[in-house]
């Protein structure tokens, strides 16, 4: 059974880089971005998610690496 896209289920049109709590759901414990097969997001949402995570990292809201 295929997972449903988190962002379509919650009617989120724009993935905001400032929404750190939502972005943390899609990171591994080592702060790597999880793949779309694992998260179940659509391809379009996965691209927007990765850009939002990268922007949040650049702004210092999310870590690049965790130990």
PDB file of N, CA and C in Angstrom:
ATOM      1  N   UNK A   1       0.842  -1.187   0.000  1.00  0.00           N
ATOM      2  CA  UNK A   1       0.000   0.000   0.000  1.00  0.00           C
ATOM      3  C   UNK A   1       0.880   1.241   0.000  1.00  0.00           C
ATOM      4  N   UNK A   2       0.509   2.201  -0.814  1.00  0.00           N
ATOM      5  CA  UNK A   2       1.310   3.403  -0.970  1.00  0.00           C
ATOM      6  C   UNK A   2       0.959   4.430   0.102  1.00  0.00           C
ATOM      7  N   UNK A   3       1.974   5.086   0.633  1.00  0.00           N
ATOM      8  CA  UNK A   3       1.742   6.138   1.621  1.00  0.00           C
ATOM      9  C   UNK A   3       1.196   7.379   0.937  1.00  0.00           C
ATOM     10  N   UNK A   4       0.418   8.142   1.680  1.00  0.00           N
ATOM     11  CA  UNK A   4      -0.138   9.382   1.159  1.00  0.00           C
ATOM     12  C   UNK A   4       0.818  10.536   1.430  1.00  0.00           C
ATOM     13  N   UNK A   5       0.767  11.531   0.586  1.00  0.00           N
ATOM     14  CA  UNK A   5       1.618  12.699   0.739  1.00  0.00           C
ATOM     15  C   UNK A   5       1.176  13.491   1.975  1.00  0.00           C
ATOM     16  N   UNK A   6       2.098  13.759   2.874  1.00  0.00           N
ATOM     17  CA  UNK A   6       1.808  14.475   4.118  1.00  0.00           C
ATOM     18  C   UNK A   6       1.261  15.866   3.834  1.00  0.00           C
ATOM     19  N   UNK A   7       1.815  16.540   2.859  1.00  0.00           N
ATOM     20  CA  UNK A   7       1.450  17.919   2.582  1.00  0.00           C
ATOM     21  C   UNK A   7       0.083  18.025   1.901  1.00  0.00           C
ATOM     22  N   UNK A   8      -0.269  17.055   1.082  1.00  0.00           N
ATOM     23  CA  UNK A   8      -1.594  17.058   0.459  1.00  0.00           C
ATOM     24  C   UNK A   8      -2.667  16.681   1.475  1.00  0.00           C
ATOM     25  N   UNK A   9      -2.345  15.770   2.391  1.00  0.00           N
ATOM     26  CA  UNK A   9      -3.306  15.379   3.424  1.00  0.00           C
ATOM     27  C   UNK A   9      -3.632  16.534   4.359  1.00  0.00           C
ATOM     28  N   UNK A  10      -2.631  17.336   4.699  1.00  0.00           N
ATOM     29  CA  UNK A  10      -2.818  18.460   5.616  1.00  0.00           C
ATOM     30  C   UNK A  10      -3.098  19.777   4.896  1.00  0.00           C
ATOM     31  N   UNK A  11      -3.298  19.689   3.567  1.00  0.00           N
ATOM     32  CA  UNK A  11      -3.619  20.854   2.726  1.00  0.00           C
ATOM     33  C   UNK A  11      -2.602  21.987   2.879  1.00  0.00           C
ATOM     34  N   UNK A  12      -1.328  21.618   2.848  1.00  0.00           N
ATOM     35  CA  UNK A  12      -0.239  22.594   2.909  1.00  0.00           C
ATOM     36  C   UNK A  12       0.212  22.855   1.474  1.00  0.00           C
ATOM     37  N   UNK A  13      -0.007  24.078   0.992  1.00  0.00           N
ATOM     38  CA  UNK A  13       0.357  24.410  -0.382  1.00  0.00           C
ATOM     39  C   UNK A  13       1.803  24.861  -0.499  1.00  0.00           C
ATOM     40  N   UNK A  14       2.279  25.612   0.501  1.00  0.00           N
ATOM     41  CA  UNK A  14       3.645  26.138   0.477  1.00  0.00           C
ATOM     42  C   UNK A  14       4.414  25.579   1.668  1.00  0.00           C
ATOM     43  N   UNK A  15       5.549  24.947   1.408  1.00  0.00           N
ATOM     44  CA  UNK A  15       6.379  24.394   2.474  1.00  0.00           C
ATOM     45  C   UNK A  15       7.332  25.484   2.913  1.00  0.00           C
ATOM     46  N   UNK A  16       7.116  26.004   4.115  1.00  0.00           N
ATOM     47  CA  UNK A  16       7.857  27.149   4.618  1.00  0.00           C
ATOM     48  C   UNK A  16       9.122  26.693   5.335  1.00  0.00           C
ATOM     49  N   UNK A  17      10.240  27.327   5.051  1.00  0.00           N
ATOM     50  CA  UNK A  17      11.502  26.954   5.689  1.00  0.00           C
ATOM     51  C   UNK A  17      11.534  27.360   7.154  1.00  0.00           C
ATOM     52  N   UNK A  18      10.644  28.257   7.581  1.00  0.00           N
ATOM     53  CA  UNK A  18      10.618  28.701   8.976  1.00  0.00           C
ATOM     54  C   UNK A  18       9.822  27.755   9.879  1.00  0.00           C
ATOM     55  N   UNK A  19       9.092  26.822   9.289  1.00  0.00           N
ATOM     56  CA  UNK A  19       8.316  25.842  10.048  1.00  0.00           C
ATOM     57  C   UNK A  19       9.215  24.652  10.388  1.00  0.00           C
ATOM     58  N   UNK A  20      10.066  24.843  11.381  1.00  0.00           N
ATOM     59  CA  UNK A  20      11.114  23.877  11.706  1.00  0.00           C
ATOM     60  C   UNK A  20      10.537  22.568  12.239  1.00  0.00           C
ATOM     61  N   UNK A  21       9.447  22.622  12.992  1.00  0.00           N
ATOM     62  CA  UNK A  21       8.873  21.398  13.557  1.00  0.00           C
ATOM     63  C   UNK A  21       8.406  20.438  12.464  1.00  0.00           C
ATOM     64  N   UNK A  22       7.802  20.958  11.423  1.00  0.00           N
ATOM     65  CA  UNK A  22       7.364  20.112  10.313  1.00  0.00           C
ATOM     66  C   UNK A  22       8.558  19.566   9.539  1.00  0.00           C
ATOM     67  N   UNK A  23       9.563  20.398   9.330  1.00  0.00           N
ATOM     68  CA  UNK A  23      10.735  19.955   8.572  1.00  0.00           C
ATOM     69  C   UNK A  23      11.511  18.874   9.308  1.00  0.00           C
ATOM     70  N   UNK A  24      11.535  18.915  10.632  1.00  0.00           N
ATOM     71  CA  UNK A  24      12.272  17.915  11.412  1.00  0.00           C
ATOM     72  C   UNK A  24      11.689  16.518  11.259  1.00  0.00           C
ATOM     73  N   UNK A  25      10.413  16.409  10.910  1.00  0.00           N
ATOM     74  CA  UNK A  25       9.774  15.107  10.709  1.00  0.00           C
ATOM     75  C   UNK A  25      10.374  14.357   9.530  1.00  0.00           C
ATOM     76  N   UNK A  26      10.960  15.101   8.603  1.00  0.00           N
ATOM     77  CA  UNK A  26      11.485  14.501   7.383  1.00  0.00           C
ATOM     78  C   UNK A  26      13.009  14.377   7.395  1.00  0.00           C
ATOM     79  N   UNK A  27      13.613  14.453   8.575  1.00  0.00           N
ATOM     80  CA  UNK A  27      15.058  14.279   8.736  1.00  0.00           C
ATOM     81  C   UNK A  27      15.337  13.006   9.517  1.00  0.00           C
ATOM     82  N   UNK A  28      16.456  12.361   9.222  1.00  0.00           N
ATOM     83  CA  UNK A  28      16.894  11.202   9.995  1.00  0.00           C
ATOM     84  C   UNK A  28      17.523  11.693  11.298  1.00  0.00           C
ATOM     85  N   UNK A  29      17.801  10.799  12.236  1.00  0.00           N
ATOM     86  CA  UNK A  29      18.475  11.232  13.478  1.00  0.00           C
ATOM     87  C   UNK A  29      19.836  11.883  13.246  1.00  0.00           C
ATOM     88  N   UNK A  30      20.450  11.619  12.087  1.00  0.00           N
ATOM     89  CA  UNK A  30      21.736  12.239  11.756  1.00  0.00           C
ATOM     90  C   UNK A  30      21.558  13.497  10.915  1.00  0.00           C
ATOM     91  N   UNK A  31      20.325  14.011  10.844  1.00  0.00           N
ATOM     92  CA  UNK A  31      19.962  15.257  10.153  1.00  0.00           C
ATOM     93  C   UNK A  31      20.105  15.157   8.634  1.00  0.00           C
ATOM     94  N   UNK A  32      19.916  13.970   8.081  1.00  0.00           N
ATOM     95  CA  UNK A  32      19.901  13.815   6.626  1.00  0.00           C
ATOM     96  C   UNK A  32      18.460  13.810   6.145  1.00  0.00           C
ATOM     97  N   UNK A  33      18.234  14.260   4.926  1.00  0.00           N
ATOM     98  CA  UNK A  33      16.891  14.304   4.363  1.00  0.00           C
ATOM     99  C   UNK A  33      16.468  12.891   3.971  1.00  0.00           C
ATOM    100  N   UNK A  34      15.274  12.481   4.413  1.00  0.00           N
ATOM    101  CA  UNK A  34      14.779  11.152   4.076  1.00  0.00           C
ATOM    102  C   UNK A  34      14.261  11.139   2.647  1.00  0.00           C
ATOM    103  N   UNK A  35      14.346   9.990   2.013  1.00  0.00           N
ATOM    104  CA  UNK A  35      13.902   9.847   0.637  1.00  0.00           C
ATOM    105  C   UNK A  35      12.391   9.840   0.513  1.00  0.00           C
ATOM    106  N   UNK A  36      11.920  10.033  -0.709  1.00  0.00           N
ATOM    107  CA  UNK A  36      10.475  10.112  -0.905  1.00  0.00           C
ATOM    108  C   UNK A  36       9.808   8.750  -0.774  1.00  0.00           C
ATOM    109  N   UNK A  37      10.536   7.679  -0.992  1.00  0.00           N
ATOM    110  CA  UNK A  37       9.967   6.352  -0.780  1.00  0.00           C
ATOM    111  C   UNK A  37       9.670   6.120   0.701  1.00  0.00           C
ATOM    112  N   UNK A  38      10.540   6.610   1.536  1.00  0.00           N
ATOM    113  CA  UNK A  38      10.378   6.421   2.981  1.00  0.00           C
ATOM    114  C   UNK A  38       9.293   7.329   3.558  1.00  0.00           C
ATOM    115  N   UNK A  39       9.222   8.564   3.086  1.00  0.00           N
ATOM    116  CA  UNK A  39       8.271   9.521   3.638  1.00  0.00           C
ATOM    117  C   UNK A  39       6.905   9.451   2.959  1.00  0.00           C
ATOM    118  N   UNK A  40       6.872   9.034   1.701  1.00  0.00           N
ATOM    119  CA  UNK A  40       5.608   8.933   0.984  1.00  0.00           C
ATOM    120  C   UNK A  40       5.165  10.231   0.348  1.00  0.00           C
ATOM    121  N   UNK A  41       6.024  11.239   0.303  1.00  0.00           N
ATOM    122  CA  UNK A  41       5.640  12.509  -0.311  1.00  0.00           C
ATOM    123  C   UNK A  41       5.685  12.388  -1.832  1.00  0.00           C
ATOM    124  N   UNK A  42       4.952  13.260  -2.496  1.00  0.00           N
ATOM    125  CA  UNK A  42       4.980  13.268  -3.955  1.00  0.00           C
ATOM    126  C   UNK A  42       6.301  13.876  -4.421  1.00  0.00           C
ATOM    127  N   UNK A  43       6.615  13.709  -5.686  1.00  0.00           N
ATOM    128  CA  UNK A  43       7.885  14.213  -6.220  1.00  0.00           C
ATOM    129  C   UNK A  43       7.959  15.732  -6.118  1.00  0.00           C
ATOM    130  N   UNK A  44       6.858  16.397  -6.420  1.00  0.00           N
ATOM    131  CA  UNK A  44       6.815  17.854  -6.359  1.00  0.00           C
ATOM    132  C   UNK A  44       7.015  18.344  -4.922  1.00  0.00           C
ATOM    133  N   UNK A  45       6.353  17.685  -3.976  1.00  0.00           N
ATOM    134  CA  UNK A  45       6.486  18.069  -2.573  1.00  0.00           C
ATOM    135  C   UNK A  45       7.882  17.754  -2.045  1.00  0.00           C
ATOM    136  N   UNK A  46       8.477  16.655  -2.529  1.00  0.00           N
ATOM    137  CA  UNK A  46       9.818  16.283  -2.079  1.00  0.00           C
ATOM    138  C   UNK A  46      10.854  17.312  -2.524  1.00  0.00           C
ATOM    139  N   UNK A  47      10.710  17.830  -3.725  1.00  0.00           N
ATOM    140  CA  UNK A  47      11.633  18.860  -4.205  1.00  0.00           C
ATOM    141  C   UNK A  47      11.486  20.135  -3.389  1.00  0.00           C
ATOM    142  N   UNK A  48      10.248  20.536  -3.115  1.00  0.00           N
ATOM    143  CA  UNK A  48      10.008  21.742  -2.313  1.00  0.00           C
ATOM    144  C   UNK A  48      10.494  21.535  -0.878  1.00  0.00           C
ATOM    145  N   UNK A  49      10.318  20.325  -0.361  1.00  0.00           N
ATOM    146  CA  UNK A  49      10.766  20.003   1.000  1.00  0.00           C
ATOM    147  C   UNK A  49      12.275  20.095   1.111  1.00  0.00           C
ATOM    148  N   UNK A  50      12.985  19.541   0.138  1.00  0.00           N
ATOM    149  CA  UNK A  50      14.447  19.581   0.195  1.00  0.00           C
ATOM    150  C   UNK A  50      14.968  21.011   0.093  1.00  0.00           C
ATOM    151  N   UNK A  51      14.333  21.838  -0.726  1.00  0.00           N
ATOM    152  CA  UNK A  51      14.744  23.247  -0.821  1.00  0.00           C
ATOM    153  C   UNK A  51      14.477  23.980   0.486  1.00  0.00           C
ATOM    154  N   UNK A  52      13.347  23.690   1.129  1.00  0.00           N
ATOM    155  CA  UNK A  52      13.011  24.333   2.400  1.00  0.00           C
ATOM    156  C   UNK A  52      13.995  23.918   3.490  1.00  0.00           C
ATOM    157  N   UNK A  53      14.375  22.649   3.508  1.00  0.00           N
ATOM    158  CA  UNK A  53      15.342  22.168   4.506  1.00  0.00           C
ATOM    159  C   UNK A  53      16.704  22.815   4.275  1.00  0.00           C
ATOM    160  N   UNK A  54      17.118  22.917   3.015  1.00  0.00           N
ATOM    161  CA  UNK A  54      18.407  23.531   2.708  1.00  0.00           C
ATOM    162  C   UNK A  54      18.423  25.014   3.070  1.00  0.00           C
ATOM    163  N   UNK A  55      17.306  25.699   2.845  1.00  0.00           N
ATOM    164  CA  UNK A  55      17.213  27.112   3.239  1.00  0.00           C
ATOM    165  C   UNK A  55      17.255  27.263   4.749  1.00  0.00           C
ATOM    166  N   UNK A  56      16.561  26.386   5.459  1.00  0.00           N
ATOM    167  CA  UNK A  56      16.558  26.449   6.921  1.00  0.00           C
ATOM    168  C   UNK A  56      17.950  26.158   7.479  1.00  0.00           C
ATOM    169  N   UNK A  57      18.678  25.253   6.845  1.00  0.00           N
ATOM    170  CA  UNK A  57      20.055  24.980   7.269  1.00  0.00           C
ATOM    171  C   UNK A  57      20.940  26.205   7.058  1.00  0.00           C
ATOM    172  N   UNK A  58      20.793  26.851   5.912  1.00  0.00           N
ATOM    173  CA  UNK A  58      21.599  28.023   5.599  1.00  0.00           C
ATOM    174  C   UNK A  58      21.317  29.160   6.574  1.00  0.00           C
ATOM    175  N   UNK A  59      20.056  29.303   6.988  1.00  0.00           N
ATOM    176  CA  UNK A  59      19.675  30.363   7.922  1.00  0.00           C
ATOM    177  C   UNK A  59      20.003  29.999   9.367  1.00  0.00           C
ATOM    178  N   UNK A  60      20.430  28.772   9.603  1.00  0.00           N
ATOM    179  CA  UNK A  60      20.820  28.356  10.953  1.00  0.00           C
ATOM    180  C   UNK A  60      19.679  27.817  11.786  1.00  0.00           C
ATOM    181  N   UNK A  61      18.546  27.497  11.153  1.00  0.00           N
ATOM    182  CA  UNK A  61      17.392  26.971  11.890  1.00  0.00           C
ATOM    183  C   UNK A  61      17.474  25.469  12.093  1.00  0.00           C
ATOM    184  N   UNK A  62      18.139  24.781  11.163  1.00  0.00           N
ATOM    185  CA  UNK A  62      18.333  23.327  11.254  1.00  0.00           C
ATOM    186  C   UNK A  62      19.815  23.011  11.160  1.00  0.00           C
ATOM    187  N   UNK A  63      20.246  21.921  11.797  1.00  0.00           N
ATOM    188  CA  UNK A  63      21.661  21.557  11.707  1.00  0.00           C
ATOM    189  C   UNK A  63      21.979  20.849  10.398  1.00  0.00           C
ATOM    190  N   UNK A  64      23.223  20.946   9.978  1.00  0.00           N
ATOM    191  CA  UNK A  64      23.688  20.183   8.821  1.00  0.00           C
ATOM    192  C   UNK A  64      23.962  18.736   9.235  1.00  0.00           C
ATOM    193  N   UNK A  65      24.574  18.557  10.410  1.00  0.00           N
ATOM    194  CA  UNK A  65      24.954  17.237  10.907  1.00  0.00           C
ATOM    195  C   UNK A  65      24.671  17.191  12.404  1.00  0.00           C
ATOM    196  N   UNK A  66      24.222  16.034  12.891  1.00  0.00           N
ATOM    197  CA  UNK A  66      24.037  15.839  14.333  1.00  0.00           C
ATOM    198  C   UNK A  66      24.854  14.652  14.778  1.00  0.00           C
ATOM    199  N   UNK A  67      25.312  14.704  15.986  1.00  0.00           N
ATOM    200  CA  UNK A  67      26.094  13.571  16.503  1.00  0.00           C
ATOM    201  C   UNK A  67      25.325  12.831  17.549  1.00  0.00           C
TER     202      UNK A  67
END
